[in-house]
C-alpha cells in the first residue's frame, strides 16, 4: 500500500511539472507521432490490398483447381471440367444451365504511365458464364463485351489509368498476335487491374488444352461440404476445391507478408530513432530533477517507486503521440489510391491498425524509459543533494 501511495504521489508531481519541460516533452511527442503515423499508414497498405483482393469473394462461390497446385501451375483437363459440372449443389442461371465457368490465366507485360516501368500482371481467359452471369457487378463504361472466338480484350478502368496500351481500340501483341481492346469496365469499387479475353481463343493461341481453374456458383454456401465430398469421392478427378475467399486469401498471403515486412521494417527503424530521442529527453528530465529526486528518497520514497513512475511517465508521454499519429494517418492516407508492384488499391486505416500503433508507441515508451528510470533510482542521495 505504501508503494502505491508513493507511486501515485510521484506521478502527480511529475505530470504537474511537464509544462516546465516543454522542449523534452515536444521531442518525445513529435518522434512518437511520426513513427506511429508512418507505421499505421504502411500497414494500411496490407489491409487495403486485402480488402481489394479478397473483398470481392462470395460465400457461395468455389474455385476448383488441380490437386496440390498453388496458383498458375494448376491444370484442369476438359474431361475433369465436364465432370465437375455434374456434381451436386451447383446453382443454375436463368437459362437453366449450371453456373460454372472456366478460366485460363497467363501472365502478360505492361508499362506504367509516366515512368514506363515494366510490370507483369495476369491476362484472364474467361468463359462467357464468368464474363456475364458470374460478374453481376460488372458494368461497361466504354465499348462493349468481347466476342468469343475473336482476338479481343476488355480491361478494367484501373488498367487504363495505370498502364499504357489499354485505350479503346488499342492493339496489344500477345503471343505474336494483335489483340484489340474493345471495352472498358468497372466491377463494383474494385481498383484491381483485370484484363479479360475469351478462354478458348486464349488457350488456342498459347497451345493449351487445360484450364487453370473452374469457378462454380453453389445454390447456397451450405452446399460446400456436399460438393467437396462428391468431388473427392470421384477417383477420376485429381482436383481440389476451396471457397473463393480461402483461395483468394492463399494467393494474397505472399503479397501481404511483403507489405507487412516493409511496414514493420520501416516502422522499426523509425521507432529506434524515436526511442533514442525519448531516452535522451528523459535523461534530460531526470538530470534536471536530481535534487528533487534525492530529496524524495531522503524523506523515505523508495527507488522502486521512482523506477515505476519514470516508466509510467515515459509511456504516458508516448500515448498522445500515438493517438495523434493514428489520427494523422487516417486523415491524410485513409482512402488514398496506390499501386505498388502493379497492384492498385486504396489504403484502409482501421481501428485495429490504430490499436497496433498505440501498442507500438507504448512499447517504445517502456523501452525508452528503462535506462532513465534506472539512472533516477541509482543516483546517490548525497551526490544529488550537492548537485547545482
Protein backbone atom coordinates (compact mmCIF):
# COMPACT_ATOMS: atom_id res chain seq x y z
CA UNK A 1 0.00 0.00 0.00
CA UNK A 2 2.89 2.36 0.87
CA UNK A 3 4.45 1.64 -2.55
CA UNK A 4 1.20 2.52 -4.34
CA UNK A 5 0.75 5.75 -2.35
CA UNK A 6 4.32 6.79 -3.11
CA UNK A 7 3.92 5.96 -6.80
CA UNK A 8 0.67 7.92 -7.08
CA UNK A 9 2.19 10.95 -5.34
CA UNK A 10 5.31 10.85 -7.55
CA UNK A 11 3.24 10.51 -10.71
CA UNK A 12 1.11 13.55 -9.80
CA UNK A 13 4.27 15.50 -9.05
CA UNK A 14 5.96 14.51 -12.32
CA UNK A 15 2.94 15.18 -14.51
CA UNK A 16 2.36 18.52 -12.80
CA UNK A 17 5.80 19.68 -13.87
CA UNK A 18 5.50 18.82 -17.55
CA UNK A 19 4.88 22.43 -18.54
CA UNK A 20 8.37 23.33 -17.30
CA UNK A 21 9.90 20.64 -19.53
CA UNK A 22 8.16 21.56 -22.77
CA UNK A 23 11.16 21.02 -25.06
CA UNK A 24 11.80 17.45 -23.91
CA UNK A 25 8.09 16.58 -23.99
CA UNK A 26 7.74 18.01 -27.50
CA UNK A 27 10.71 15.92 -28.71
CA UNK A 28 9.04 12.74 -27.47
CA UNK A 29 5.64 13.76 -28.88
CA UNK A 30 6.98 14.52 -32.37
CA UNK A 31 9.09 11.35 -32.53
CA UNK A 32 6.24 9.06 -31.49
CA UNK A 33 3.72 10.83 -33.75
CA UNK A 34 5.92 10.39 -36.82
CA UNK A 35 6.70 6.76 -36.01
CA UNK A 36 3.09 5.73 -35.40
CA UNK A 37 1.85 7.74 -38.38
CA UNK A 38 4.28 6.03 -40.75
CA UNK A 39 3.70 2.57 -39.28
CA UNK A 40 -0.10 2.79 -39.43
CA UNK A 41 -0.03 4.27 -42.93
CA UNK A 42 2.19 1.49 -44.24
CA UNK A 43 0.17 -1.23 -42.51
CA UNK A 44 -2.88 0.32 -44.19
CA UNK A 45 -1.43 -0.93 -47.49
CA UNK A 46 -1.87 -4.50 -46.28
CA UNK A 47 -5.44 -4.01 -45.08
CA UNK A 48 -6.33 -2.05 -48.22
CA UNK A 49 -4.84 -4.67 -50.51
CA UNK A 50 -6.60 -7.41 -48.55
CA UNK A 51 -9.93 -5.66 -48.89
CA UNK A 52 -9.30 -5.12 -52.60
CA UNK A 53 -8.15 -8.63 -53.47
CA UNK A 54 -10.32 -10.63 -51.09
CA UNK A 55 -13.35 -8.41 -50.50
CA UNK A 56 -14.98 -9.41 -53.80
CA UNK A 57 -15.13 -13.09 -52.78
CA UNK A 58 -18.58 -14.66 -52.35
CA UNK A 59 -19.51 -17.31 -49.81
CA UNK A 60 -21.47 -19.27 -52.40
CA UNK A 61 -18.67 -19.43 -54.97
CA UNK A 62 -15.90 -22.04 -55.01
CA UNK A 63 -12.71 -22.47 -57.03
CA UNK A 64 -11.69 -25.88 -58.35
CA UNK A 65 -8.02 -26.44 -59.22
CA UNK A 66 -5.71 -29.41 -59.73
CA UNK A 67 -4.72 -31.20 -56.55
CA UNK A 68 -1.61 -29.81 -54.88
CA UNK A 69 -1.40 -26.73 -57.10
CA UNK A 70 -0.61 -23.33 -55.68
CA UNK A 71 -1.81 -20.89 -58.33
CA UNK A 72 -0.94 -20.57 -62.01
CA UNK A 73 0.51 -24.09 -62.06
CA UNK A 74 -2.97 -25.57 -61.81
CA UNK A 75 -4.15 -27.70 -64.74
CA UNK A 76 -7.75 -28.89 -65.07
CA UNK A 77 -8.49 -31.06 -68.13
CA UNK A 78 -11.60 -30.64 -70.22
CA UNK A 79 -12.89 -34.03 -69.08
CA UNK A 80 -12.43 -33.05 -65.44
CA UNK A 81 -14.15 -29.72 -66.02
CA UNK A 82 -17.10 -31.53 -67.61
CA UNK A 83 -17.31 -33.93 -64.68
CA UNK A 84 -17.34 -31.02 -62.20
CA UNK A 85 -20.49 -29.70 -63.88
CA UNK A 86 -22.32 -32.91 -62.87
CA UNK A 87 -21.58 -32.59 -59.16
CA UNK A 88 -24.41 -31.77 -56.72
CA UNK A 89 -25.19 -28.37 -55.25
CA UNK A 90 -24.45 -26.21 -58.32
CA UNK A 91 -26.76 -23.28 -58.93
CA UNK A 92 -28.37 -22.69 -62.32
CA UNK A 93 -28.77 -19.49 -64.29
CA UNK A 94 -31.88 -18.00 -65.85
CA UNK A 95 -31.31 -20.25 -68.87
CA UNK A 96 -31.37 -23.35 -66.69
CA UNK A 97 -27.68 -24.12 -67.25
CA UNK A 98 -25.24 -24.68 -64.36
CA UNK A 99 -23.40 -21.55 -63.22
CA UNK A 100 -19.94 -22.87 -63.90
CA UNK A 101 -17.13 -21.08 -65.70
CA UNK A 102 -13.63 -21.89 -66.86
CA UNK A 103 -10.57 -19.67 -66.58
CA UNK A 104 -7.16 -19.89 -68.22
CA UNK A 105 -4.65 -17.47 -66.74
CA UNK A 106 -1.41 -16.32 -68.36
CA UNK A 107 0.99 -13.51 -67.46
CA UNK A 108 1.49 -10.52 -69.75
CA UNK A 109 3.66 -7.44 -69.60
CA UNK A 110 2.53 -3.87 -69.13
CA UNK A 111 4.23 -0.49 -68.84
CA UNK A 112 3.30 2.13 -66.27
CA UNK A 113 2.13 5.51 -67.43
CA UNK A 114 4.69 8.23 -66.88
CA UNK A 115 7.62 6.04 -65.82
CA UNK A 116 7.41 3.29 -68.44
CA UNK A 117 8.35 0.76 -65.75
CA UNK A 118 7.68 -2.82 -66.78
CA UNK A 119 5.11 -4.71 -64.71
CA UNK A 120 3.71 -8.21 -65.16
CA UNK A 121 0.08 -9.00 -64.41
CA UNK A 122 -2.44 -11.72 -65.35
CA UNK A 123 -4.48 -11.95 -68.53
CA UNK A 124 -7.56 -13.99 -67.71
CA UNK A 125 -9.19 -16.07 -70.39
CA UNK A 126 -12.76 -16.50 -69.15
CA UNK A 127 -15.77 -18.35 -70.49
CA UNK A 128 -18.95 -16.35 -71.24
CA UNK A 129 -20.51 -17.57 -67.99
CA UNK A 130 -17.75 -15.99 -65.92
CA UNK A 131 -17.84 -12.81 -68.00
CA UNK A 132 -21.55 -12.18 -67.54
CA UNK A 133 -23.68 -14.27 -65.16
CA UNK A 134 -20.96 -14.64 -62.50
CA UNK A 135 -19.95 -10.94 -62.57
CA UNK A 136 -23.25 -9.16 -61.80
CA UNK A 137 -21.45 -6.01 -60.59
CA UNK A 138 -19.51 -5.63 -63.84
CA UNK A 139 -20.64 -2.69 -65.99
CA UNK A 140 -19.08 -1.17 -69.08
CA UNK A 141 -18.07 2.48 -69.21
CA UNK A 142 -16.76 2.38 -72.79
CA UNK A 143 -17.08 -0.02 -75.70
CA UNK A 144 -18.59 -3.48 -75.38
CA UNK A 145 -18.06 -7.01 -74.15
CA UNK A 146 -15.65 -9.13 -76.16
CA UNK A 147 -16.98 -11.70 -78.62
CA UNK A 148 -15.99 -15.37 -78.29
CA UNK A 149 -13.64 -16.63 -80.96
CA UNK A 150 -12.05 -13.25 -81.66
CA UNK A 151 -8.75 -11.77 -80.51
CA UNK A 152 -10.41 -9.16 -78.31
CA UNK A 153 -9.70 -7.83 -74.84
CA UNK A 154 -11.69 -5.91 -72.26
CA UNK A 155 -9.81 -4.09 -69.50
CA UNK A 156 -10.84 -2.65 -66.18
CA UNK A 157 -10.55 1.11 -65.91
CA UNK A 158 -7.76 0.63 -63.37
CA UNK A 159 -5.62 -0.82 -66.17
CA UNK A 160 -6.39 2.18 -68.37
CA UNK A 161 -5.36 4.60 -65.62
CA UNK A 162 -2.21 2.71 -64.60
CA UNK A 163 -0.77 1.26 -67.81
CA UNK A 164 -0.27 2.34 -71.41
CA UNK A 165 -1.78 0.50 -74.36
CA UNK A 166 -5.27 -0.16 -72.99
CA UNK A 167 -7.07 2.71 -74.70
CA UNK A 168 -10.23 1.77 -76.57
CA UNK A 169 -9.23 0.37 -79.96
CA UNK A 170 -5.59 -0.15 -78.94
CA UNK A 171 -3.84 -3.24 -80.21
CA UNK A 172 -1.65 -5.31 -77.93
CA UNK A 173 0.65 -8.06 -79.09
CA UNK A 174 0.10 -11.27 -77.13
CA UNK A 175 1.99 -14.33 -78.28
CA UNK A 176 2.78 -12.62 -81.57
CA UNK A 177 -0.87 -11.85 -82.35
CA UNK A 178 -2.52 -8.43 -82.16
CA UNK A 179 -5.45 -8.30 -79.75
CA UNK A 180 -7.84 -5.35 -79.84
CA UNK A 181 -9.12 -3.62 -76.70
CA UNK A 182 -12.87 -3.36 -77.31
CA UNK A 183 -14.19 -2.32 -73.90
CA UNK A 184 -13.51 -0.74 -70.52
CA UNK A 185 -15.41 -1.74 -67.40
CA UNK A 186 -15.73 -1.23 -63.66
CA UNK A 187 -16.50 -4.01 -61.20
CA UNK A 188 -18.01 -2.65 -58.02
CA UNK A 189 -15.48 -0.45 -56.24
CA UNK A 190 -12.57 -2.66 -57.28
CA UNK A 191 -9.36 -0.93 -58.35
CA UNK A 192 -7.72 -4.16 -59.44
CA UNK A 193 -6.31 -4.27 -62.97
CA UNK A 194 -8.06 -7.13 -64.75
CA UNK A 195 -7.81 -7.88 -68.45
CA UNK A 196 -10.23 -10.45 -69.87
CA UNK A 197 -10.11 -12.49 -73.07
CA UNK A 198 -12.13 -15.38 -74.45
CA UNK A 199 -10.86 -18.54 -72.77
CA UNK A 200 -10.97 -20.77 -75.85
CA UNK A 201 -9.23 -18.21 -78.05
CA UNK A 202 -6.53 -17.64 -75.44
CA UNK A 203 -5.92 -21.36 -74.98
CA UNK A 204 -5.63 -21.84 -78.75
CA UNK A 205 -3.08 -19.04 -79.05
CA UNK A 206 -0.97 -20.46 -76.21
CA UNK A 207 -1.37 -24.06 -77.39
CA UNK A 208 -3.02 -25.18 -74.18
CA UNK A 209 -5.79 -27.71 -73.70
CA UNK A 210 -6.33 -27.40 -69.96
CA UNK A 211 -7.94 -24.75 -67.80
CA UNK A 212 -6.24 -23.07 -64.85
CA UNK A 213 -9.35 -23.21 -62.69
CA UNK A 214 -13.06 -23.86 -62.70
CA UNK A 215 -15.37 -21.37 -60.97
CA UNK A 216 -18.59 -22.78 -59.55
CA UNK A 217 -21.56 -20.93 -58.06
CA UNK A 218 -23.35 -23.07 -55.45
CA UNK A 219 -27.04 -22.95 -54.64
CA UNK A 220 -26.13 -21.75 -51.16
CA UNK A 221 -22.95 -21.64 -49.05
CA UNK A 222 -24.07 -24.66 -47.04
CA UNK A 223 -23.71 -26.90 -50.10
CA UNK A 224 -19.91 -26.62 -50.00
CA UNK A 225 -19.32 -29.73 -47.89
CA UNK A 226 -21.54 -31.90 -50.08
CA UNK A 227 -19.89 -30.55 -53.22
CA UNK A 228 -16.41 -31.20 -51.87
CA UNK A 229 -17.32 -34.69 -50.68
CA UNK A 230 -18.67 -35.59 -54.13
CA UNK A 231 -15.55 -34.17 -55.78
CA UNK A 232 -13.17 -36.10 -53.53
CA UNK A 233 -15.22 -39.29 -53.85
CA UNK A 234 -14.66 -39.42 -57.63
CA UNK A 235 -11.32 -41.24 -58.18
CA UNK A 236 -11.10 -39.92 -61.75
CA UNK A 237 -10.88 -36.32 -60.52
CA UNK A 238 -7.45 -35.23 -59.27
CA UNK A 239 -8.85 -31.91 -58.14
CA UNK A 240 -9.25 -29.83 -55.02
CA UNK A 241 -11.88 -27.25 -54.14
CA UNK A 242 -11.72 -24.18 -51.94
CA UNK A 243 -14.12 -21.44 -51.11
CA UNK A 244 -13.45 -18.37 -53.22
CA UNK A 245 -12.46 -16.41 -50.12
CA UNK A 246 -9.97 -19.07 -48.99
CA UNK A 247 -8.49 -19.27 -52.47
CA UNK A 248 -8.05 -15.50 -52.60
CA UNK A 249 -6.52 -15.47 -49.11
CA UNK A 250 -3.98 -18.08 -50.16
CA UNK A 251 -2.97 -16.11 -53.24
CA UNK A 252 -2.73 -12.91 -51.20
CA UNK A 253 -0.62 -14.42 -48.43
CA UNK A 254 2.78 -13.76 -50.01
CA UNK A 255 1.89 -10.21 -51.09
CA UNK A 256 0.52 -9.40 -47.64
CA UNK A 257 3.68 -10.73 -45.99
CA UNK A 258 5.78 -8.48 -48.24
CA UNK A 259 3.73 -5.38 -47.41
CA UNK A 260 3.76 -6.10 -43.67
CA UNK A 261 7.51 -6.75 -43.70
CA UNK A 262 8.11 -3.38 -45.36
CA UNK A 263 5.79 -1.67 -42.85
CA UNK A 264 7.38 -3.16 -39.75
CA UNK A 265 10.92 -2.77 -41.11
CA UNK A 266 10.47 0.95 -41.73
CA UNK A 267 8.48 1.29 -38.51
CA UNK A 268 11.25 -0.41 -36.52
CA UNK A 269 13.90 1.91 -37.94
CA UNK A 270 11.83 4.98 -37.09
CA UNK A 271 10.96 3.53 -33.68
CA UNK A 272 14.65 3.09 -32.92
CA UNK A 273 15.35 6.72 -33.73
CA UNK A 274 12.32 7.95 -31.78
CA UNK A 275 13.20 5.74 -28.81
CA UNK A 276 16.76 7.08 -28.70
CA UNK A 277 15.32 10.59 -28.80
CA UNK A 278 12.98 9.71 -25.95
CA UNK A 279 15.87 8.29 -23.91
CA UNK A 280 17.85 11.49 -24.32
CA UNK A 281 14.84 13.61 -23.42
CA UNK A 282 14.07 11.52 -20.35
CA UNK A 283 17.72 11.67 -19.32
CA UNK A 284 17.47 15.45 -19.51
CA UNK A 285 14.33 15.39 -17.38
CA UNK A 286 15.97 13.13 -14.78
CA UNK A 287 19.14 15.24 -14.66
CA UNK A 288 17.10 18.41 -14.22
CA UNK A 289 15.30 16.82 -11.26
CA UNK A 290 18.26 15.21 -9.48
CA UNK A 291 17.98 17.33 -6.35
CA UNK A 292 14.20 16.81 -6.26
CA UNK A 293 14.59 13.04 -6.59
CA UNK A 294 17.30 12.99 -3.93
CA UNK A 295 15.05 14.90 -1.53
CA UNK A 296 12.23 12.46 -2.13
CA UNK A 297 14.49 9.50 -1.46
CA UNK A 298 15.83 11.17 1.67
CA UNK A 299 12.33 11.53 3.14
CA UNK A 300 11.50 7.89 2.50
CA UNK A 301 10.42 7.41 -1.11
CA UNK A 302 11.73 4.07 -2.37
CA UNK A 303 13.80 3.61 -5.52
CA UNK A 304 11.24 1.06 -6.78
CA UNK A 305 8.51 3.71 -6.83
CA UNK A 306 10.82 6.10 -8.70
CA UNK A 307 11.57 3.44 -11.35
CA UNK A 308 7.91 2.54 -11.86
CA UNK A 309 6.78 6.17 -12.05
CA UNK A 310 9.51 7.05 -14.54
CA UNK A 311 8.42 4.15 -16.78
CA UNK A 312 4.75 5.09 -16.46
CA UNK A 313 5.58 8.72 -17.23
CA UNK A 314 7.51 7.66 -20.34
CA UNK A 315 4.56 5.58 -21.58
CA UNK A 316 2.07 8.35 -20.81
CA UNK A 317 4.19 10.82 -22.76
CA UNK A 318 4.14 8.41 -25.73
CA UNK A 319 0.36 7.96 -25.64
CA UNK A 320 -0.67 11.39 -27.04
CA UNK A 321 1.86 10.94 -29.86
CA UNK A 322 0.35 7.54 -30.65
CA UNK A 323 -3.17 8.93 -30.81
CA UNK A 324 -2.03 11.89 -32.90
CA UNK A 325 -0.04 9.64 -35.26
CA UNK A 326 -3.03 7.34 -35.83
CA UNK A 327 -5.25 10.38 -36.44
CA UNK A 328 -2.78 11.84 -38.94
CA UNK A 329 -2.57 8.51 -40.76
CA UNK A 330 -6.36 8.32 -41.06
CA UNK A 331 -6.75 11.98 -42.04
CA UNK A 332 -4.11 12.05 -44.77
CA UNK A 333 -3.85 8.47 -46.02
CA UNK A 334 -7.15 6.66 -45.49
CA UNK A 335 -8.66 6.01 -48.91
CA UNK A 336 -5.55 7.09 -50.83
CA UNK A 337 -5.08 5.16 -54.10
CA UNK A 338 -1.69 3.47 -54.53
CA UNK A 339 -0.25 0.95 -57.00
CA UNK A 340 2.79 -0.84 -55.56
CA UNK A 341 4.09 -3.82 -57.56
CA UNK A 342 1.43 -3.25 -60.22
CA UNK A 343 -1.49 -3.86 -57.84
CA UNK A 344 -3.92 -0.96 -57.38
CA UNK A 345 -5.88 -0.47 -54.17
CA UNK A 346 -6.82 2.12 -51.57
CA UNK A 347 -5.20 2.44 -48.17
CA UNK A 348 -7.50 1.35 -45.36
CA UNK A 349 -6.71 2.74 -41.89
CA UNK A 350 -8.77 0.63 -39.49
CA UNK A 351 -9.29 0.76 -35.69
CA UNK A 352 -7.20 -2.42 -35.45
CA UNK A 353 -4.24 -0.66 -37.07
CA UNK A 354 -4.68 2.30 -34.74
CA UNK A 355 -4.56 -0.11 -31.79
CA UNK A 356 -1.35 -1.65 -33.17
CA UNK A 357 0.15 1.82 -33.48
CA UNK A 358 -0.79 2.69 -29.90
CA UNK A 359 0.64 -0.59 -28.59
CA UNK A 360 3.81 0.04 -30.61
CA UNK A 361 4.15 3.52 -29.04
CA UNK A 362 3.62 2.22 -25.50
CA UNK A 363 6.36 -0.37 -26.02
CA UNK A 364 8.60 2.42 -27.31
CA UNK A 365 7.80 4.42 -24.18
CA UNK A 366 8.52 1.44 -21.93
CA UNK A 367 11.86 0.68 -23.58
CA UNK A 368 12.80 4.33 -23.76
CA UNK A 369 12.15 4.80 -20.05
CA UNK A 370 14.19 1.84 -18.78
CA UNK A 371 17.64 3.45 -18.67
CA UNK A 372 16.46 6.85 -17.40
CA UNK A 373 14.40 5.09 -14.71
CA UNK A 374 17.41 3.10 -13.59
CA UNK A 375 19.50 6.26 -13.55
CA UNK A 376 16.91 8.10 -11.48
CA UNK A 377 16.87 5.31 -8.90
CA UNK A 378 20.64 4.84 -8.67
CA UNK A 379 21.83 8.43 -8.21
CA UNK A 380 23.44 8.61 -4.73
CA UNK A 381 21.46 10.83 -2.41
CA UNK A 382 24.48 12.82 -1.23
CA UNK A 383 25.71 13.39 -4.77
CA UNK A 384 22.30 14.56 -5.93
CA UNK A 385 21.84 16.88 -2.98
CA UNK A 386 25.19 18.55 -3.70
CA UNK A 387 24.32 18.98 -7.42
CA UNK A 388 23.78 22.54 -8.56
